[in-house]
N, C-alpha and C. Protein backbone atom coordinates (compact mmCIF):
# COMPACT_ATOMS: atom_id res chain seq x y z
N UNK A 1 0.85 -1.17 0.00
CA UNK A 1 0.00 0.00 0.00
C UNK A 1 0.90 1.24 0.00
N UNK A 2 0.65 2.14 -0.91
CA UNK A 2 1.47 3.34 -0.97
C UNK A 2 1.01 4.38 0.05
N UNK A 3 1.81 5.38 0.23
CA UNK A 3 1.57 6.40 1.25
C UNK A 3 0.26 7.15 1.02
N UNK A 4 -0.02 7.52 -0.22
CA UNK A 4 -1.24 8.29 -0.51
C UNK A 4 -2.49 7.49 -0.20
N UNK A 5 -2.49 6.23 -0.52
CA UNK A 5 -3.64 5.38 -0.23
C UNK A 5 -3.84 5.23 1.27
N UNK A 6 -2.76 4.99 1.98
CA UNK A 6 -2.85 4.86 3.44
C UNK A 6 -3.35 6.15 4.07
N UNK A 7 -2.87 7.29 3.57
CA UNK A 7 -3.31 8.58 4.11
C UNK A 7 -4.80 8.78 3.87
N UNK A 8 -5.28 8.47 2.66
CA UNK A 8 -6.70 8.63 2.36
C UNK A 8 -7.56 7.77 3.27
N UNK A 9 -7.11 6.56 3.54
CA UNK A 9 -7.89 5.66 4.40
C UNK A 9 -7.95 6.20 5.82
N UNK A 10 -6.81 6.64 6.34
CA UNK A 10 -6.78 7.14 7.72
C UNK A 10 -7.43 8.51 7.84
N UNK A 11 -7.21 9.40 6.90
CA UNK A 11 -7.72 10.76 6.99
C UNK A 11 -9.21 10.83 6.72
N UNK A 12 -9.77 9.87 6.01
CA UNK A 12 -11.19 9.92 5.69
C UNK A 12 -12.05 9.89 6.94
N UNK A 13 -11.58 9.24 7.98
CA UNK A 13 -12.37 9.19 9.22
C UNK A 13 -12.18 10.43 10.07
N UNK A 14 -11.26 11.31 9.71
CA UNK A 14 -10.97 12.49 10.51
C UNK A 14 -11.32 13.80 9.81
N UNK A 15 -11.45 13.79 8.51
CA UNK A 15 -11.69 15.01 7.75
C UNK A 15 -13.14 15.08 7.28
N UNK A 16 -13.55 16.28 6.99
CA UNK A 16 -14.89 16.49 6.48
C UNK A 16 -15.77 17.15 7.52
N UNK A 17 -16.66 18.00 7.04
CA UNK A 17 -17.52 18.77 7.94
C UNK A 17 -18.40 17.87 8.80
N UNK A 18 -18.99 16.85 8.20
CA UNK A 18 -19.91 15.99 8.94
C UNK A 18 -19.20 15.26 10.07
N UNK A 19 -18.02 14.75 9.78
CA UNK A 19 -17.25 14.01 10.78
C UNK A 19 -16.83 14.94 11.91
N UNK A 20 -16.26 16.09 11.53
CA UNK A 20 -15.76 17.02 12.55
C UNK A 20 -16.90 17.62 13.37
N UNK A 21 -18.05 17.85 12.76
CA UNK A 21 -19.16 18.45 13.50
C UNK A 21 -19.69 17.51 14.58
N UNK A 22 -19.47 16.21 14.44
CA UNK A 22 -19.89 15.26 15.47
C UNK A 22 -19.09 15.44 16.76
N UNK A 23 -17.88 15.96 16.64
CA UNK A 23 -17.02 16.10 17.80
C UNK A 23 -17.17 17.43 18.53
N UNK A 24 -17.87 18.40 17.94
CA UNK A 24 -17.96 19.73 18.54
C UNK A 24 -18.64 19.68 19.90
N UNK A 25 -19.78 19.02 20.01
CA UNK A 25 -20.49 18.96 21.29
C UNK A 25 -19.67 18.19 22.32
N UNK A 26 -19.00 17.17 21.88
CA UNK A 26 -18.17 16.37 22.78
C UNK A 26 -17.00 17.19 23.33
N UNK A 27 -16.32 17.92 22.44
CA UNK A 27 -15.20 18.77 22.87
C UNK A 27 -15.71 19.88 23.78
N UNK A 28 -16.87 20.44 23.45
CA UNK A 28 -17.47 21.49 24.28
C UNK A 28 -17.74 20.96 25.69
N UNK A 29 -18.21 19.73 25.79
CA UNK A 29 -18.48 19.12 27.09
C UNK A 29 -17.20 18.96 27.90
N UNK A 30 -16.14 18.47 27.28
CA UNK A 30 -14.86 18.29 27.97
C UNK A 30 -14.32 19.63 28.45
N UNK A 31 -14.36 20.63 27.58
CA UNK A 31 -13.83 21.95 27.95
C UNK A 31 -14.67 22.59 29.05
N UNK A 32 -15.98 22.44 28.98
CA UNK A 32 -16.85 23.01 30.01
C UNK A 32 -16.57 22.38 31.38
N UNK A 33 -16.41 21.05 31.39
CA UNK A 33 -16.09 20.38 32.66
C UNK A 33 -14.75 20.86 33.21
N UNK A 34 -13.77 21.01 32.33
CA UNK A 34 -12.45 21.49 32.75
C UNK A 34 -12.51 22.90 33.31
N UNK A 35 -13.22 23.79 32.63
CA UNK A 35 -13.33 25.18 33.10
C UNK A 35 -14.08 25.25 34.43
N UNK A 36 -15.11 24.42 34.56
CA UNK A 36 -15.87 24.38 35.82
C UNK A 36 -14.97 23.90 36.96
N UNK A 37 -14.17 22.88 36.69
CA UNK A 37 -13.25 22.36 37.70
C UNK A 37 -12.23 23.43 38.10
N UNK A 38 -11.70 24.15 37.11
CA UNK A 38 -10.73 25.21 37.40
C UNK A 38 -11.34 26.31 38.25
N UNK A 39 -12.61 26.65 37.97
CA UNK A 39 -13.24 27.76 38.69
C UNK A 39 -13.49 27.44 40.15
N UNK A 40 -13.54 26.16 40.49
CA UNK A 40 -13.79 25.79 41.89
C UNK A 40 -12.51 25.57 42.68
N UNK A 41 -11.36 25.62 42.01
CA UNK A 41 -10.09 25.41 42.71
C UNK A 41 -9.74 26.63 43.56
N UNK A 42 -9.21 26.36 44.73
CA UNK A 42 -8.84 27.44 45.65
C UNK A 42 -7.43 27.96 45.37
N UNK A 43 -6.57 27.11 44.86
CA UNK A 43 -5.18 27.51 44.62
C UNK A 43 -4.97 27.82 43.14
N UNK A 44 -3.90 28.56 42.81
CA UNK A 44 -3.61 28.86 41.40
C UNK A 44 -3.30 27.57 40.63
N UNK A 45 -3.56 27.61 39.34
CA UNK A 45 -3.29 26.45 38.50
C UNK A 45 -2.18 26.79 37.50
N UNK A 46 -1.50 25.76 37.02
CA UNK A 46 -0.51 25.93 35.96
C UNK A 46 -1.28 25.82 34.65
N UNK A 47 -1.58 26.97 34.06
CA UNK A 47 -2.50 27.05 32.93
C UNK A 47 -2.05 26.21 31.73
N UNK A 48 -0.80 26.32 31.35
CA UNK A 48 -0.32 25.58 30.17
C UNK A 48 -0.48 24.07 30.36
N UNK A 49 -0.15 23.58 31.53
CA UNK A 49 -0.28 22.16 31.82
C UNK A 49 -1.74 21.72 31.81
N UNK A 50 -2.60 22.54 32.40
CA UNK A 50 -4.02 22.20 32.46
C UNK A 50 -4.68 22.23 31.09
N UNK A 51 -4.31 23.20 30.26
CA UNK A 51 -4.85 23.26 28.90
C UNK A 51 -4.38 22.04 28.11
N UNK A 52 -3.11 21.69 28.27
CA UNK A 52 -2.58 20.50 27.60
C UNK A 52 -3.31 19.24 28.02
N UNK A 53 -3.65 19.17 29.29
CA UNK A 53 -4.38 18.01 29.81
C UNK A 53 -5.77 17.92 29.19
N UNK A 54 -6.46 19.06 29.11
CA UNK A 54 -7.79 19.06 28.50
C UNK A 54 -7.73 18.67 27.02
N UNK A 55 -6.77 19.23 26.31
CA UNK A 55 -6.64 18.90 24.89
C UNK A 55 -6.29 17.43 24.70
N UNK A 56 -5.42 16.90 25.56
CA UNK A 56 -5.06 15.49 25.48
C UNK A 56 -6.30 14.61 25.67
N UNK A 57 -7.12 14.94 26.67
CA UNK A 57 -8.34 14.16 26.91
C UNK A 57 -9.26 14.20 25.71
N UNK A 58 -9.42 15.37 25.11
CA UNK A 58 -10.29 15.48 23.94
C UNK A 58 -9.76 14.66 22.78
N UNK A 59 -8.47 14.76 22.50
CA UNK A 59 -7.88 14.04 21.37
C UNK A 59 -7.94 12.53 21.58
N UNK A 60 -7.61 12.08 22.78
CA UNK A 60 -7.63 10.64 23.06
C UNK A 60 -9.05 10.09 22.94
N UNK A 61 -10.01 10.83 23.44
CA UNK A 61 -11.39 10.34 23.36
C UNK A 61 -11.91 10.32 21.92
N UNK A 62 -11.44 11.26 21.10
CA UNK A 62 -11.83 11.24 19.69
C UNK A 62 -11.27 10.00 19.01
N UNK A 63 -10.00 9.71 19.26
CA UNK A 63 -9.36 8.57 18.59
C UNK A 63 -9.71 7.23 19.22
N UNK A 64 -9.86 7.18 20.53
CA UNK A 64 -10.07 5.89 21.20
C UNK A 64 -11.49 5.68 21.73
N UNK A 65 -12.32 6.70 21.70
CA UNK A 65 -13.71 6.57 22.12
C UNK A 65 -13.96 6.98 23.55
N UNK A 66 -15.25 6.95 23.91
CA UNK A 66 -15.68 7.39 25.24
C UNK A 66 -15.57 6.32 26.31
N UNK A 67 -15.27 5.12 25.93
CA UNK A 67 -15.31 4.01 26.87
C UNK A 67 -14.06 3.85 27.72
N UNK A 68 -13.13 4.78 27.62
CA UNK A 68 -11.88 4.67 28.37
C UNK A 68 -12.12 5.10 29.81
N UNK A 69 -11.81 4.25 30.78
CA UNK A 69 -11.96 4.64 32.19
C UNK A 69 -11.02 5.79 32.54
N UNK A 70 -11.44 6.64 33.46
CA UNK A 70 -10.66 7.80 33.87
C UNK A 70 -9.27 7.41 34.36
N UNK A 71 -9.11 6.36 35.20
CA UNK A 71 -7.75 5.99 35.62
C UNK A 71 -6.84 5.62 34.44
N UNK A 72 -7.39 4.94 33.45
CA UNK A 72 -6.60 4.58 32.27
C UNK A 72 -6.23 5.83 31.48
N UNK A 73 -7.17 6.75 31.36
CA UNK A 73 -6.91 8.01 30.67
C UNK A 73 -5.81 8.80 31.38
N UNK A 74 -5.84 8.80 32.71
CA UNK A 74 -4.81 9.50 33.48
C UNK A 74 -3.44 8.84 33.30
N UNK A 75 -3.40 7.51 33.23
CA UNK A 75 -2.14 6.81 32.99
C UNK A 75 -1.59 7.13 31.60
N UNK A 76 -2.48 7.14 30.60
CA UNK A 76 -2.07 7.49 29.24
C UNK A 76 -1.48 8.90 29.19
N UNK A 77 -2.12 9.81 29.90
CA UNK A 77 -1.64 11.19 29.92
C UNK A 77 -0.27 11.28 30.58
N UNK A 78 -0.08 10.56 31.67
CA UNK A 78 1.21 10.57 32.36
C UNK A 78 2.30 10.01 31.45
N UNK A 79 1.99 8.92 30.74
CA UNK A 79 2.97 8.35 29.81
C UNK A 79 3.27 9.31 28.67
N UNK A 80 2.24 9.99 28.16
CA UNK A 80 2.44 10.95 27.09
C UNK A 80 3.33 12.10 27.54
N UNK A 81 3.07 12.61 28.74
CA UNK A 81 3.89 13.71 29.26
C UNK A 81 5.33 13.28 29.47
N UNK A 82 5.52 12.03 29.81
CA UNK A 82 6.87 11.51 30.03
C UNK A 82 7.59 11.26 28.70
N UNK A 83 6.88 10.68 27.74
CA UNK A 83 7.50 10.31 26.46
C UNK A 83 7.50 11.43 25.43
N UNK A 84 6.58 12.37 25.53
CA UNK A 84 6.46 13.44 24.54
C UNK A 84 7.75 14.20 24.30
N UNK A 85 8.39 14.74 25.34
CA UNK A 85 9.65 15.46 25.12
C UNK A 85 10.75 14.58 24.53
N UNK A 86 10.77 13.31 24.92
CA UNK A 86 11.79 12.39 24.38
C UNK A 86 11.58 12.18 22.88
N UNK A 87 10.35 12.03 22.48
CA UNK A 87 10.06 11.84 21.05
C UNK A 87 10.43 13.09 20.27
N UNK A 88 10.07 14.26 20.80
CA UNK A 88 10.41 15.51 20.12
C UNK A 88 11.91 15.75 20.06
N UNK A 89 12.65 15.24 21.05
CA UNK A 89 14.09 15.50 21.09
C UNK A 89 14.86 14.74 20.00
N UNK A 90 14.27 13.69 19.44
CA UNK A 90 14.97 12.95 18.39
C UNK A 90 14.70 13.49 16.99
N UNK A 91 13.83 14.51 16.90
CA UNK A 91 13.57 15.10 15.59
C UNK A 91 14.82 15.78 15.07
N UNK A 92 15.07 15.68 13.79
CA UNK A 92 16.28 16.29 13.24
C UNK A 92 16.15 17.79 13.00
N UNK A 93 15.08 18.40 13.48
CA UNK A 93 14.85 19.81 13.25
C UNK A 93 15.20 20.62 14.48
N UNK A 94 15.68 21.82 14.27
CA UNK A 94 16.05 22.70 15.36
C UNK A 94 14.85 23.59 15.70
N UNK A 95 13.91 23.04 16.45
CA UNK A 95 12.73 23.78 16.87
C UNK A 95 12.86 24.12 18.34
N UNK A 96 12.26 25.23 18.78
CA UNK A 96 12.36 25.60 20.20
C UNK A 96 11.84 24.52 21.14
N UNK A 97 10.80 23.77 20.73
CA UNK A 97 10.23 22.75 21.60
C UNK A 97 11.06 21.48 21.65
N UNK A 98 12.05 21.33 20.76
CA UNK A 98 12.85 20.10 20.74
C UNK A 98 14.18 20.26 21.45
N UNK A 99 14.46 21.43 21.95
CA UNK A 99 15.73 21.64 22.65
C UNK A 99 15.52 21.32 24.11
N UNK A 100 16.43 20.61 24.70
CA UNK A 100 16.20 20.26 26.08
C UNK A 100 17.39 19.93 26.83
């Protein structure tokens, strides 16, 4: 299978107005819950980390579905945060996010 064919097969489930519009209410729900949780916190939050966490939850649920238990989702996020910088550090490009 060539690259273009593989891309069309994988991208077809992610592109298009109809497909993307199905995720809007779901993403809105995740973001609303996150903002509500932040508003009830008594101490300051690390905004960049919290936004990354919300986006990670939305992306994982889009790709893997709603059936993922919260503890499993939290473990996936911890592994991603641990492995993410390592993966970016092996890129052959000199980007600000890959320097470490």
